[in-house]
N, C-alpha and C. Protein backbone atom coordinates (compact mmCIF):
# COMPACT_ATOMS: atom_id res chain seq x y z
N MET A 1 63.97 -8.11 11.28
CA MET A 1 63.72 -8.30 9.93
C MET A 1 63.77 -9.76 10.06
N ASN A 2 63.26 -10.78 8.61
CA ASN A 2 63.02 -11.87 8.41
C ASN A 2 63.96 -13.26 8.76
N ASP A 3 63.81 -13.85 8.99
CA ASP A 3 64.33 -14.82 9.92
C ASP A 3 64.55 -15.69 9.21
N ASN A 4 63.60 -15.80 8.16
CA ASN A 4 63.53 -16.94 7.23
C ASN A 4 65.39 -17.72 6.11
N GLN A 5 65.30 -18.80 6.44
CA GLN A 5 66.35 -19.22 6.30
C GLN A 5 66.39 -20.20 5.36
N ASP A 6 65.37 -20.64 4.62
CA ASP A 6 65.24 -20.93 3.31
C ASP A 6 66.36 -20.34 2.26
N LEU A 7 66.90 -20.97 1.91
CA LEU A 7 67.67 -21.13 0.92
C LEU A 7 66.89 -20.06 -0.51
N PHE A 8 66.65 -20.73 -0.95
CA PHE A 8 65.67 -20.34 -1.80
C PHE A 8 65.67 -18.17 -1.57
N HIS A 9 64.48 -18.50 0.56
CA HIS A 9 64.24 -17.24 0.77
C HIS A 9 65.87 -16.44 0.28
N ILE A 10 66.35 -17.14 0.79
CA ILE A 10 68.15 -16.11 0.60
C ILE A 10 67.87 -15.86 -0.78
N MET A 11 68.22 -16.47 -1.74
CA MET A 11 68.80 -15.98 -2.68
C MET A 11 68.10 -15.09 -3.58
N THR A 12 66.36 -14.89 -3.04
CA THR A 12 65.61 -13.79 -3.56
C THR A 12 65.83 -13.01 -3.51
N HIS A 13 66.34 -12.67 -1.67
CA HIS A 13 66.63 -11.52 -0.81
C HIS A 13 68.00 -10.81 -0.65
N LEU A 14 68.86 -11.61 -1.75
CA LEU A 14 69.84 -11.04 -1.45
C LEU A 14 70.50 -9.44 -2.58
N ARG A 15 69.98 -8.83 -1.78
CA ARG A 15 70.52 -7.52 -2.05
C ARG A 15 71.94 -7.32 -2.09
N PRO A 16 72.87 -6.46 -3.02
CA PRO A 16 74.51 -6.06 -2.22
C PRO A 16 73.98 -4.72 -0.83
N MET A 17 74.26 -4.71 0.01
CA MET A 17 74.20 -4.21 1.02
C MET A 17 75.27 -2.42 1.40
N ARG A 18 74.71 -1.34 0.99
CA ARG A 18 76.42 -0.23 0.96
C ARG A 18 75.84 0.44 1.86
N ARG A 19 75.32 0.19 3.64
CA ARG A 19 74.69 1.74 3.72
C ARG A 19 74.85 0.65 5.61
N LEU A 20 76.79 0.37 5.94
CA LEU A 20 76.59 -0.36 7.13
C LEU A 20 76.86 0.08 8.53
N LYS A 21 76.66 -0.26 9.66
CA LYS A 21 76.59 0.13 10.92
C LYS A 21 78.35 -0.20 10.95
N PRO A 22 78.81 0.53 11.59
CA PRO A 22 80.08 0.52 12.66
C PRO A 22 80.25 -0.58 13.55
N ASP A 23 79.05 -1.15 14.40
CA ASP A 23 79.13 -2.03 14.97
C ASP A 23 80.10 -3.86 14.30
N PRO A 24 81.06 -4.70 15.62
CA PRO A 24 82.21 -5.06 15.12
C PRO A 24 80.84 -5.68 14.62
N VAL A 25 82.23 -7.09 14.05
CA VAL A 25 81.35 -8.52 13.19
C VAL A 25 82.04 -9.33 14.25
N PRO A 26 81.74 -10.34 14.87
CA PRO A 26 82.93 -11.42 15.66
C PRO A 26 82.94 -12.43 15.32
N ASP A 27 84.27 -12.04 15.17
CA ASP A 27 85.01 -13.23 14.78
C ASP A 27 84.67 -14.30 14.33
N GLU A 28 83.83 -15.05 15.81
CA GLU A 28 83.58 -16.03 15.61
C GLU A 28 82.38 -16.79 14.20
N VAL A 29 80.83 -15.67 14.97
CA VAL A 29 80.44 -14.88 12.12
C VAL A 29 80.96 -15.77 11.54
N LEU A 30 82.27 -14.85 11.19
CA LEU A 30 83.38 -14.75 10.34
C LEU A 30 83.76 -16.44 10.21
N GLU A 31 83.74 -16.80 10.77
CA GLU A 31 84.96 -17.67 10.59
C GLU A 31 84.08 -19.14 10.07
N GLU A 32 82.79 -18.88 11.20
CA GLU A 32 81.86 -19.87 10.76
C GLU A 32 81.35 -20.04 9.07
N ILE A 33 81.11 -18.27 8.30
CA ILE A 33 80.63 -18.25 7.48
C ILE A 33 82.41 -18.38 6.33
N LEU A 34 83.32 -18.04 6.20
CA LEU A 34 83.84 -18.41 5.67
C LEU A 34 84.65 -20.58 5.92
N GLN A 35 84.20 -21.11 6.74
CA GLN A 35 84.73 -21.97 6.43
C GLN A 35 83.84 -23.20 5.63
N ALA A 36 82.50 -22.45 6.04
CA ALA A 36 81.13 -22.91 4.98
C ALA A 36 81.45 -22.72 3.78
N SER A 37 82.05 -21.12 3.51
CA SER A 37 81.98 -21.10 2.30
C SER A 37 83.17 -21.24 1.24
N SER A 38 84.26 -22.07 2.35
CA SER A 38 85.51 -22.65 2.21
C SER A 38 84.70 -24.07 1.19
N CYS A 39 83.52 -24.59 0.92
CA CYS A 39 83.65 -25.74 0.53
C CYS A 39 82.49 -25.67 -0.63
N ALA A 40 83.00 -24.55 -1.18
CA ALA A 40 81.89 -24.22 -2.02
C ALA A 40 83.07 -25.47 -3.21
N ALA A 41 81.94 -25.99 -4.62
CA ALA A 41 83.08 -26.74 -5.21
C ALA A 41 84.34 -25.82 -5.80
N ASN A 42 85.65 -26.48 -6.16
CA ASN A 42 86.70 -25.33 -6.74
C ASN A 42 87.32 -26.99 -7.49
N SER A 43 88.51 -26.61 -7.99
CA SER A 43 89.20 -27.76 -9.41
C SER A 43 89.78 -28.50 -8.51
N MET A 44 90.56 -29.69 -8.51
CA MET A 44 90.79 -30.77 -7.85
C MET A 44 90.74 -30.46 -6.21
N ASN A 45 89.84 -30.01 -5.93
CA ASN A 45 89.90 -29.72 -4.32
C ASN A 45 91.16 -28.77 -4.46
N THR A 46 91.80 -27.85 -4.84
CA THR A 46 93.31 -27.46 -4.47
C THR A 46 92.52 -25.56 -4.13
N GLN A 47 91.78 -25.73 -3.63
CA GLN A 47 91.00 -24.34 -2.60
C GLN A 47 92.14 -23.22 -3.12
N PRO A 48 91.73 -23.18 -4.25
CA PRO A 48 93.08 -21.93 -4.88
C PRO A 48 92.55 -20.40 -4.07
N TYR A 49 92.21 -20.52 -2.95
CA TYR A 49 91.85 -18.91 -2.61
C TYR A 49 92.06 -18.84 -1.15
N ARG A 50 92.36 -17.52 -1.00
CA ARG A 50 93.10 -16.88 0.31
C ARG A 50 92.35 -15.68 0.90
N PHE A 51 92.09 -15.17 2.15
CA PHE A 51 91.06 -14.67 3.11
C PHE A 51 92.09 -13.46 3.68
N VAL A 52 92.15 -12.42 2.87
CA VAL A 52 92.77 -11.55 4.08
C VAL A 52 92.14 -10.63 4.03
N ILE A 53 91.45 -10.52 6.26
CA ILE A 53 90.45 -9.78 6.85
C ILE A 53 90.82 -7.76 7.05
N LEU A 54 90.57 -7.25 6.95
CA LEU A 54 90.41 -5.87 6.78
C LEU A 54 89.83 -5.33 7.48
N LYS A 55 90.76 -5.55 9.27
CA LYS A 55 90.06 -4.31 10.86
C LYS A 55 91.09 -3.22 10.95
N ASP A 56 92.26 -3.33 10.02
CA ASP A 56 92.84 -2.07 10.72
C ASP A 56 92.72 -0.45 10.80
N PRO A 57 91.72 -0.13 11.08
CA PRO A 57 91.81 1.21 10.52
C PRO A 57 92.13 2.18 9.62
N GLU A 58 93.54 2.24 9.71
CA GLU A 58 94.25 2.28 8.53
C GLU A 58 94.32 2.26 7.64
N LEU A 59 94.30 0.65 7.29
CA LEU A 59 93.89 -0.23 6.45
C LEU A 59 92.59 0.13 5.31
N ARG A 60 91.65 0.11 6.67
CA ARG A 60 90.61 0.70 5.37
C ARG A 60 90.46 1.83 5.04
N ALA A 61 90.86 2.78 6.03
CA ALA A 61 90.89 4.24 5.62
C ALA A 61 91.23 4.21 4.19
N PHE A 62 92.41 4.03 3.99
CA PHE A 62 92.99 4.43 3.01
C PHE A 62 92.22 3.21 2.16
N PHE A 63 92.12 2.06 2.42
CA PHE A 63 90.86 1.16 0.75
C PHE A 63 90.02 1.66 0.44
N GLY A 64 89.07 2.52 1.63
CA GLY A 64 88.08 3.46 1.44
C GLY A 64 88.34 4.54 0.38
N GLN A 65 89.63 5.41 0.13
CA GLN A 65 90.23 6.11 -0.12
C GLN A 65 90.12 6.24 -1.16
N ARG A 66 91.36 5.01 -1.74
CA ARG A 66 91.39 4.03 -3.04
C ARG A 66 90.35 4.02 -3.94
N TYR A 67 89.45 3.17 -3.48
CA TYR A 67 88.07 3.07 -3.91
C TYR A 67 87.21 4.03 -4.17
N GLN A 68 87.35 5.84 -3.37
CA GLN A 68 86.34 6.64 -3.41
C GLN A 68 87.06 6.84 -5.11
N GLU A 69 88.60 7.34 -4.83
CA GLU A 69 89.12 7.19 -6.34
C GLU A 69 89.02 6.97 -7.58
N ALA A 70 88.85 5.34 -7.72
CA ALA A 70 89.52 4.12 -8.71
C ALA A 70 86.90 4.63 -9.18
N PHE A 71 86.27 4.64 -7.47
CA PHE A 71 84.77 5.03 -8.62
C PHE A 71 84.74 5.88 -9.28
N GLU A 72 85.51 7.54 -8.84
CA GLU A 72 84.60 8.84 -9.50
C GLU A 72 85.46 8.33 -10.82
N ASN A 73 87.12 7.76 -11.44
CA ASN A 73 87.39 7.33 -12.55
C ASN A 73 86.45 6.45 -13.81
N ALA A 74 86.31 5.71 -12.56
CA ALA A 74 86.02 4.54 -13.73
C ALA A 74 84.21 5.55 -14.19
N PHE A 75 83.31 5.64 -13.33
CA PHE A 75 82.79 6.42 -13.80
C PHE A 75 82.05 8.19 -13.58
N ARG A 76 83.69 8.76 -14.56
CA ARG A 76 83.40 9.78 -14.57
C ARG A 76 82.08 10.98 -15.58
N ASP A 77 82.13 10.04 -16.22
CA ASP A 77 81.32 10.18 -18.07
C ASP A 77 80.03 9.41 -17.57
N LEU A 78 79.25 9.11 -15.98
CA LEU A 78 77.92 9.07 -15.76
C LEU A 78 77.53 9.93 -14.66
N LYS A 79 76.69 10.76 -15.16
CA LYS A 79 76.30 12.05 -14.11
C LYS A 79 74.86 10.84 -14.10
N VAL A 80 74.23 10.82 -12.76
CA VAL A 80 73.07 11.35 -12.19
C VAL A 80 71.85 12.51 -11.67
N ASP A 81 70.74 12.61 -12.83
CA ASP A 81 70.23 13.46 -12.41
C ASP A 81 70.35 14.15 -10.78
N PRO A 82 69.44 15.04 -10.41
CA PRO A 82 69.46 15.15 -8.51
C PRO A 82 68.23 15.02 -8.17
N SER A 83 67.29 14.82 -9.56
CA SER A 83 65.68 15.12 -9.16
C SER A 83 65.16 13.12 -9.95
N ASP A 84 66.38 13.02 -10.35
CA ASP A 84 66.06 10.98 -10.52
C ASP A 84 65.71 11.11 -9.56
N ASN A 85 64.85 9.40 -9.19
CA ASN A 85 64.24 8.80 -8.52
C ASN A 85 64.25 7.22 -8.06
N SER A 86 65.06 7.44 -9.71
CA SER A 86 64.57 6.02 -10.72
C SER A 86 65.46 4.48 -9.46
N ALA A 87 65.37 3.85 -8.87
CA ALA A 87 66.28 2.63 -8.16
C ALA A 87 67.80 2.77 -8.48
N PHE A 88 67.26 2.92 -10.47
CA PHE A 88 69.52 2.44 -10.83
C PHE A 88 70.28 4.34 -10.37
N ALA A 89 69.01 5.17 -10.44
CA ALA A 89 69.83 6.19 -9.80
C ALA A 89 69.93 6.43 -9.01
N ARG A 90 69.28 6.42 -7.63
CA ARG A 90 68.96 6.03 -6.07
C ARG A 90 70.50 5.15 -5.95
N ASN A 91 70.46 3.57 -7.04
CA ASN A 91 71.72 3.18 -6.31
C ASN A 91 73.19 3.64 -6.21
N MET A 92 73.22 4.10 -8.08
CA MET A 92 74.59 4.85 -8.16
C MET A 92 74.76 6.13 -7.08
N ARG A 93 73.78 6.48 -6.53
CA ARG A 93 74.21 8.16 -4.90
C ARG A 93 75.19 7.02 -4.36
N THR A 94 73.91 6.16 -3.70
CA THR A 94 74.47 5.11 -3.30
C THR A 94 76.18 4.53 -3.62
N ALA A 95 76.64 3.71 -4.05
CA ALA A 95 77.33 3.39 -4.58
C ALA A 95 78.64 4.99 -4.66
N ALA A 96 78.13 5.96 -5.20
CA ALA A 96 79.02 6.78 -5.84
C ALA A 96 79.32 7.16 -3.17
N LYS A 97 78.67 7.39 -2.71
CA LYS A 97 79.73 7.07 -1.56
C LYS A 97 80.24 7.13 -1.13
N PHE A 98 80.19 5.64 -1.82
CA PHE A 98 80.47 4.07 -0.57
C PHE A 98 81.86 4.21 -0.08
N GLY A 99 82.32 4.88 -1.07
CA GLY A 99 84.39 4.69 -0.23
C GLY A 99 84.70 6.06 0.50
N LEU A 100 83.65 6.56 0.64
CA LEU A 100 83.96 8.15 2.02
C LEU A 100 83.46 6.98 2.58
N THR A 101 82.41 5.99 2.42
CA THR A 101 82.38 5.62 4.70
C THR A 101 82.70 4.40 4.76
N MET A 102 83.35 3.85 3.57
CA MET A 102 83.95 2.32 3.93
C MET A 102 85.47 2.03 4.68
N LYS A 103 85.62 3.59 5.35
CA LYS A 103 86.54 3.51 6.86
C LYS A 103 86.01 3.14 8.31
N ASP A 104 84.67 3.05 7.51
CA ASP A 104 83.92 3.00 8.87
C ASP A 104 83.03 1.49 8.57
N VAL A 105 82.76 0.70 7.63
CA VAL A 105 82.96 -0.48 7.87
C VAL A 105 83.65 -1.08 8.47
N PRO A 106 82.59 -1.75 9.66
CA PRO A 106 83.52 -3.12 10.52
C PRO A 106 84.82 -4.15 9.71
N VAL A 107 84.51 -4.25 8.69
CA VAL A 107 85.63 -5.25 7.82
C VAL A 107 84.82 -5.41 6.52
N ILE A 108 86.33 -5.48 6.01
CA ILE A 108 86.31 -5.32 4.32
C ILE A 108 87.49 -6.93 4.12
N LEU A 109 86.44 -7.63 3.53
CA LEU A 109 87.64 -9.09 3.34
C LEU A 109 87.31 -9.41 1.83
N LEU A 110 89.03 -9.25 1.58
CA LEU A 110 89.32 -9.66 0.44
C LEU A 110 89.96 -11.42 -0.02
N VAL A 111 89.09 -11.20 -0.77
CA VAL A 111 89.33 -12.83 -1.65
C VAL A 111 90.54 -13.31 -2.77
N CYS A 112 91.34 -13.93 -2.05
CA CYS A 112 92.48 -13.87 -3.91
C CYS A 112 92.34 -15.66 -3.94
N GLY A 113 92.79 -14.91 -5.46
CA GLY A 113 93.15 -16.25 -5.89
C GLY A 113 94.08 -16.61 -6.12
N ILE A 114 94.54 -17.35 -6.31
CA ILE A 114 96.49 -18.02 -6.94
C ILE A 114 96.61 -18.12 -8.20
N ARG A 115 97.37 -17.20 -9.21
CA ARG A 115 97.40 -17.05 -10.70
C ARG A 115 97.71 -17.83 -11.12
N ASP A 116 97.25 -18.14 -11.97
CA ASP A 116 96.78 -18.75 -13.67
C ASP A 116 96.62 -18.67 -14.66
N TRP A 117 97.05 -18.94 -15.68
CA TRP A 117 96.57 -18.22 -16.79
C TRP A 117 96.42 -19.33 -17.98
N PRO A 118 94.62 -18.12 -18.30
CA PRO A 118 93.50 -19.24 -18.76
C PRO A 118 93.87 -19.99 -20.26
N PHE A 119 92.94 -21.04 -20.29
CA PHE A 119 93.70 -21.99 -20.95
C PHE A 119 93.63 -20.82 -22.06
N ALA A 120 92.90 -20.21 -22.77
CA ALA A 120 92.52 -19.86 -24.05
C ALA A 120 93.78 -18.93 -24.49
N VAL A 121 95.26 -18.30 -23.70
CA VAL A 121 95.95 -17.58 -24.33
C VAL A 121 96.78 -18.70 -24.21
N PRO A 122 97.50 -18.65 -25.77
CA PRO A 122 98.79 -19.56 -25.48
C PRO A 122 99.80 -19.54 -25.27
N HIS A 123 100.52 -20.07 -24.95
CA HIS A 123 101.80 -20.26 -24.27
C HIS A 123 102.72 -19.54 -24.49
N ASP A 124 102.56 -19.06 -25.57
CA ASP A 124 103.84 -17.98 -26.17
C ASP A 124 103.12 -16.50 -26.06
N GLN A 125 102.13 -16.71 -25.54
CA GLN A 125 101.32 -15.04 -24.92
C GLN A 125 101.05 -15.32 -24.04
N ARG A 126 101.57 -15.74 -22.46
CA ARG A 126 101.65 -15.59 -21.46
C ARG A 126 102.92 -15.12 -21.21
N LYS A 127 102.84 -13.50 -21.03
CA LYS A 127 104.49 -12.41 -20.12
C LYS A 127 103.49 -12.50 -19.95
N GLY A 128 104.58 -12.14 -18.11
CA GLY A 128 104.71 -10.22 -17.07
C GLY A 128 103.79 -11.71 -16.40
N ILE A 129 103.39 -10.75 -15.05
CA ILE A 129 102.22 -11.70 -14.49
C ILE A 129 100.56 -12.42 -14.70
N ALA A 130 100.21 -13.63 -14.10
CA ALA A 130 99.04 -13.96 -14.75
C ALA A 130 98.10 -13.58 -13.54
N PRO A 131 97.14 -13.78 -14.34
CA PRO A 131 95.39 -12.88 -13.67
C PRO A 131 95.39 -13.96 -12.25
N PRO A 132 94.99 -13.75 -11.51
CA PRO A 132 94.09 -14.79 -10.37
C PRO A 132 93.37 -15.52 -11.33
N SER A 133 92.60 -16.85 -11.83
CA SER A 133 92.07 -17.18 -11.34
C SER A 133 90.64 -17.49 -10.97
N PRO A 134 89.51 -16.90 -11.77
CA PRO A 134 88.58 -16.72 -10.94
C PRO A 134 87.46 -17.67 -10.34
N GLY A 135 86.99 -19.07 -11.43
CA GLY A 135 86.53 -19.94 -11.48
C GLY A 135 86.04 -20.56 -10.62
N SER A 136 87.44 -21.40 -9.55
CA SER A 136 87.24 -21.71 -8.06
C SER A 136 87.31 -20.52 -7.37
N VAL A 137 86.84 -19.73 -7.35
CA VAL A 137 86.76 -18.63 -6.78
C VAL A 137 85.53 -17.81 -6.21
N TYR A 138 85.21 -18.12 -7.63
CA TYR A 138 83.59 -17.08 -7.20
C TYR A 138 82.68 -17.57 -7.15
N PRO A 139 82.98 -19.58 -6.86
CA PRO A 139 81.95 -19.89 -6.35
C PRO A 139 81.58 -19.91 -4.32
N CYS A 140 82.57 -19.85 -3.79
CA CYS A 140 83.95 -19.69 -2.60
C CYS A 140 82.49 -18.16 -1.81
N VAL A 141 83.13 -16.78 -3.03
CA VAL A 141 83.17 -15.61 -2.64
C VAL A 141 80.78 -15.90 -2.76
N GLN A 142 80.05 -16.81 -3.89
CA GLN A 142 79.02 -16.46 -3.81
C GLN A 142 78.35 -17.13 -1.87
N ASN A 143 79.36 -17.37 -1.43
CA ASN A 143 78.76 -18.43 -0.15
C ASN A 143 79.40 -17.49 0.22
N ILE A 144 80.00 -16.78 0.59
CA ILE A 144 80.14 -15.38 1.07
C ILE A 144 79.16 -14.45 1.16
N LEU A 145 78.61 -14.22 0.06
CA LEU A 145 77.11 -13.32 0.72
C LEU A 145 76.42 -14.07 0.68
N LEU A 146 76.22 -15.17 0.71
CA LEU A 146 75.12 -15.87 1.50
C LEU A 146 75.08 -16.42 2.68
N GLY A 147 75.88 -17.47 3.20
CA GLY A 147 76.36 -17.07 4.36
C GLY A 147 76.36 -15.85 5.16
N CYS A 148 76.79 -14.61 4.92
CA CYS A 148 75.98 -13.30 5.28
C CYS A 148 75.43 -12.63 5.56
N ARG A 149 73.75 -12.57 4.57
CA ARG A 149 72.58 -12.88 4.03
C ARG A 149 72.33 -13.93 5.42
N ALA A 150 72.10 -15.33 5.54
CA ALA A 150 71.89 -16.09 6.60
C ALA A 150 72.06 -15.79 7.91
N LYS A 151 73.07 -14.82 7.89
CA LYS A 151 73.40 -14.30 9.60
C LYS A 151 73.30 -12.80 9.62
N GLY A 152 72.60 -12.53 9.03
CA GLY A 152 71.94 -11.11 9.24
C GLY A 152 73.03 -9.64 8.75
N LEU A 153 74.00 -9.96 7.87
CA LEU A 153 74.97 -9.24 7.55
C LEU A 153 74.43 -8.65 6.82
N GLY A 154 74.67 -7.82 6.21
CA GLY A 154 75.10 -7.04 4.80
C GLY A 154 76.32 -7.92 4.35
N ALA A 155 76.07 -6.83 3.70
CA ALA A 155 77.92 -7.39 1.92
C ALA A 155 77.18 -6.84 0.73
N SER A 156 78.60 -6.51 0.18
CA SER A 156 78.28 -6.19 -1.55
C SER A 156 79.62 -6.50 -2.02
N LEU A 157 79.49 -6.93 -2.94
CA LEU A 157 80.79 -7.53 -3.76
C LEU A 157 80.85 -5.88 -5.03
N THR A 158 82.37 -6.48 -4.38
CA THR A 158 82.84 -5.45 -5.43
C THR A 158 84.52 -5.36 -6.24
N THR A 159 84.31 -5.07 -7.26
CA THR A 159 85.73 -5.01 -8.23
C THR A 159 86.73 -4.34 -8.64
N LEU A 160 86.46 -2.31 -7.73
CA LEU A 160 86.30 -1.51 -8.27
C LEU A 160 88.79 -1.53 -7.63
N HIS A 161 88.97 -2.50 -6.77
CA HIS A 161 90.24 -2.97 -6.35
C HIS A 161 91.14 -2.76 -7.49
N GLN A 162 90.79 -3.33 -8.70
CA GLN A 162 91.16 -3.80 -9.81
C GLN A 162 92.46 -2.02 -9.81
N LEU A 163 92.01 -1.52 -9.84
CA LEU A 163 92.01 -0.42 -9.91
C LEU A 163 93.52 0.23 -9.71
N PHE A 164 93.17 -0.27 -8.17
CA PHE A 164 94.70 -0.10 -7.03
C PHE A 164 95.20 -1.56 -6.47
N GLU A 165 95.01 -2.42 -7.47
CA GLU A 165 95.89 -3.98 -6.90
C GLU A 165 97.30 -3.67 -6.71
N ALA A 166 98.04 -3.55 -7.25
CA ALA A 166 99.30 -3.88 -6.99
C ALA A 166 99.65 -2.77 -5.46
N GLU A 167 99.27 -1.77 -5.02
CA GLU A 167 99.28 -0.65 -3.91
C GLU A 167 98.49 -2.00 -2.82
N LEU A 168 96.96 -2.45 -3.30
CA LEU A 168 96.74 -2.95 -2.06
C LEU A 168 97.29 -4.42 -2.39
N CYS A 169 98.31 -4.83 -2.85
CA CYS A 169 98.66 -6.26 -2.20
C CYS A 169 99.82 -5.38 -1.52
N GLU A 170 100.24 -4.88 -2.05
CA GLU A 170 101.79 -4.69 -1.55
C GLU A 170 101.79 -3.54 -0.10
N ARG A 171 100.24 -3.37 -0.04
CA ARG A 171 100.24 -2.50 1.16
C ARG A 171 99.31 -3.90 2.17
N CYS A 172 99.37 -4.96 1.56
CA CYS A 172 99.07 -6.10 3.10
C CYS A 172 99.99 -7.60 2.68
N GLY A 173 100.91 -6.78 1.78
CA GLY A 173 101.70 -8.25 1.90
C GLY A 173 101.29 -9.11 1.08
N ILE A 174 100.26 -9.06 0.13
CA ILE A 174 100.01 -10.71 -0.07
C ILE A 174 101.03 -10.96 -1.40
N PRO A 175 101.62 -12.06 -1.88
CA PRO A 175 102.85 -13.24 -2.77
C PRO A 175 102.32 -12.46 -4.06
N ASP A 176 103.25 -12.42 -4.76
CA ASP A 176 102.47 -12.18 -6.54
C ASP A 176 102.00 -13.46 -6.43
N SER A 177 102.57 -14.81 -6.15
CA SER A 177 101.62 -15.54 -6.27
C SER A 177 99.78 -15.74 -6.85
N TYR A 178 99.49 -14.89 -6.24
CA TYR A 178 98.25 -14.02 -6.01
C TYR A 178 97.68 -13.25 -5.91
N GLY A 179 96.38 -12.71 -6.30
CA GLY A 179 95.67 -11.34 -6.72
C GLY A 179 93.98 -11.37 -6.10
N VAL A 180 94.42 -10.18 -5.80
CA VAL A 180 92.91 -10.66 -5.21
C VAL A 180 91.18 -10.06 -6.52
N VAL A 181 90.97 -11.14 -6.09
CA VAL A 181 89.56 -11.30 -7.38
C VAL A 181 88.53 -10.22 -6.64
N ALA A 182 87.86 -10.42 -5.53
CA ALA A 182 86.90 -9.76 -4.51
C ALA A 182 86.84 -8.73 -3.83
N ALA A 183 86.96 -8.56 -3.13
CA ALA A 183 86.53 -6.97 -2.47
C ALA A 183 84.84 -7.18 -1.23
N ILE A 184 85.17 -7.53 -0.65
CA ILE A 184 83.63 -7.55 0.23
C ILE A 184 83.30 -6.98 1.71
N PRO A 185 82.86 -5.65 1.45
CA PRO A 185 82.82 -4.56 3.00
C PRO A 185 81.58 -5.79 3.36
N ILE A 186 81.41 -5.98 4.56
CA ILE A 186 80.17 -6.56 5.44
C ILE A 186 80.27 -5.80 6.20
N GLY A 187 78.97 -5.81 7.41
CA GLY A 187 79.36 -5.87 8.85
C GLY A 187 77.42 -5.41 8.79
N TYR A 188 77.19 -5.22 10.20
CA TYR A 188 75.60 -5.06 10.28
C TYR A 188 74.71 -4.07 9.31
N PRO A 189 73.93 -4.59 8.50
CA PRO A 189 72.92 -2.93 7.61
C PRO A 189 71.81 -2.19 8.49
N LYS A 190 72.54 -1.06 8.13
CA LYS A 190 71.93 -0.29 8.44
C LYS A 190 70.67 0.47 7.89
N GLY A 191 70.10 -0.71 6.46
CA GLY A 191 68.84 -0.63 5.53
C GLY A 191 68.27 -1.69 5.91
N ASN A 192 66.83 -2.77 4.99
CA ASN A 192 66.74 -3.82 5.59
C ASN A 192 66.76 -5.05 3.88
N PHE A 193 66.32 -6.09 4.78
CA PHE A 193 67.03 -6.96 3.59
C PHE A 193 65.00 -6.80 3.26
N GLY A 194 65.45 -6.99 1.64
CA GLY A 194 63.98 -6.93 0.73
C GLY A 194 64.54 -7.88 -0.52
N PRO A 195 62.98 -7.61 -1.30
CA PRO A 195 63.62 -9.43 -2.41
C PRO A 195 64.08 -8.54 -4.01
N VAL A 196 65.60 -9.11 -3.53
CA VAL A 196 65.71 -7.86 -5.76
C VAL A 196 64.03 -8.00 -6.80
N THR A 197 64.52 -7.55 -7.33
CA THR A 197 63.96 -7.14 -8.73
C THR A 197 65.16 -7.74 -9.89
N ARG A 198 64.91 -8.81 -10.63
CA ARG A 198 65.19 -8.98 -11.87
C ARG A 198 64.34 -9.29 -13.11
N ARG A 199 64.64 -9.63 -14.55
CA ARG A 199 63.83 -9.40 -15.12
C ARG A 199 63.30 -11.28 -15.51
N PRO A 200 61.93 -11.85 -15.49
CA PRO A 200 62.11 -13.10 -15.78
C PRO A 200 62.60 -14.31 -16.46
N VAL A 201 62.85 -15.42 -15.72
CA VAL A 201 64.22 -16.20 -16.35
C VAL A 201 63.44 -16.66 -17.49
N LYS A 202 62.40 -16.72 -18.33
CA LYS A 202 62.42 -16.82 -19.39
C LYS A 202 62.66 -15.64 -20.12
N GLU A 203 62.84 -14.58 -20.09
CA GLU A 203 63.67 -14.01 -20.82
C GLU A 203 64.71 -13.99 -20.83
N LEU A 204 65.33 -14.96 -20.04
CA LEU A 204 67.01 -14.59 -20.36
C LEU A 204 67.20 -16.07 -20.69
N THR A 205 66.16 -17.62 -20.51
CA THR A 205 66.87 -18.77 -21.23
C THR A 205 66.46 -19.50 -22.55
N PHE A 206 67.30 -19.71 -23.61
CA PHE A 206 66.86 -20.50 -24.13
C PHE A 206 67.39 -21.81 -24.77
N LEU A 207 66.07 -22.17 -25.92
CA LEU A 207 65.81 -23.90 -25.87
C LEU A 207 67.02 -24.26 -26.87
N ASP A 208 67.97 -25.09 -26.73
CA ASP A 208 69.64 -25.29 -27.86
C ASP A 208 69.84 -24.32 -28.89
N ALA A 209 69.00 -23.61 -28.81
CA ALA A 209 69.93 -22.37 -30.30
C ALA A 209 69.37 -21.20 -28.80
N TRP A 210 70.09 -20.26 -29.68
CA TRP A 210 69.78 -18.60 -29.20
C TRP A 210 68.42 -17.29 -29.61
N ASN A 211 67.87 -17.53 -29.24
CA ASN A 211 66.58 -16.15 -29.04
C ASN A 211 65.57 -17.42 -29.44
N HIS A 212 66.11 -19.30 -29.37
CA HIS A 212 64.57 -20.17 -29.21
C HIS A 212 64.34 -20.31 -28.09
N SER A 213 63.10 -19.71 -27.80
CA SER A 213 61.90 -19.65 -26.58
C SER A 213 62.37 -21.21 -25.35
N CYS A 214 62.02 -20.58 -23.98
CA CYS A 214 62.31 -21.71 -23.23
C CYS A 214 61.38 -20.59 -22.03
N PHE A 215 60.16 -22.10 -21.38
CA PHE A 215 59.69 -21.84 -19.71
C PHE A 215 58.76 -21.13 -19.91
N GLU A 216 58.30 -21.66 -21.37
CA GLU A 216 57.03 -20.81 -22.54
C GLU A 216 55.47 -20.92 -21.09
């Protein structure tokens, strides 16, 4: 494992890791990661996030079963040919098996956010329960992923819990004032960290108006 702790090295080598060892993750490592992650920018320093760490075997098995059902439902129309060895196909095959192995993942971290209506939703349309507000939560989530990488831990951001969130919140005793923004399986990786492949930023960036080239 490359132990380069430079921030830019970590950011460019932050692969989602879905093949994880069952080895336990020390509590002091998790606490250190979460303490640093909670320093992320957030609205008015309210820290509107809370963390639920799933270690109980039954809870992890429950999460894995529901995750697998959610994956099969969400991607039932997306078939990957067994002979396809592209990066996309390999990633899909790994993702398709993730729920089945979730029971063996040592930690599943639920990152919760306080429920709050987006500004764009008029007051007279705010019916029912508000969604969790992600704006002040995702900076913390990214810090968690960076912190895991810095500590040699594999992690991946998942959101399929949305398809069984009510049951998940009930099972974990999460109050109605909070919702689950992200679920992050964490463990020591079976594979190796490596550089991610992304399009050049000059293809994604415009100057002053859409499609006006920048970074030529």
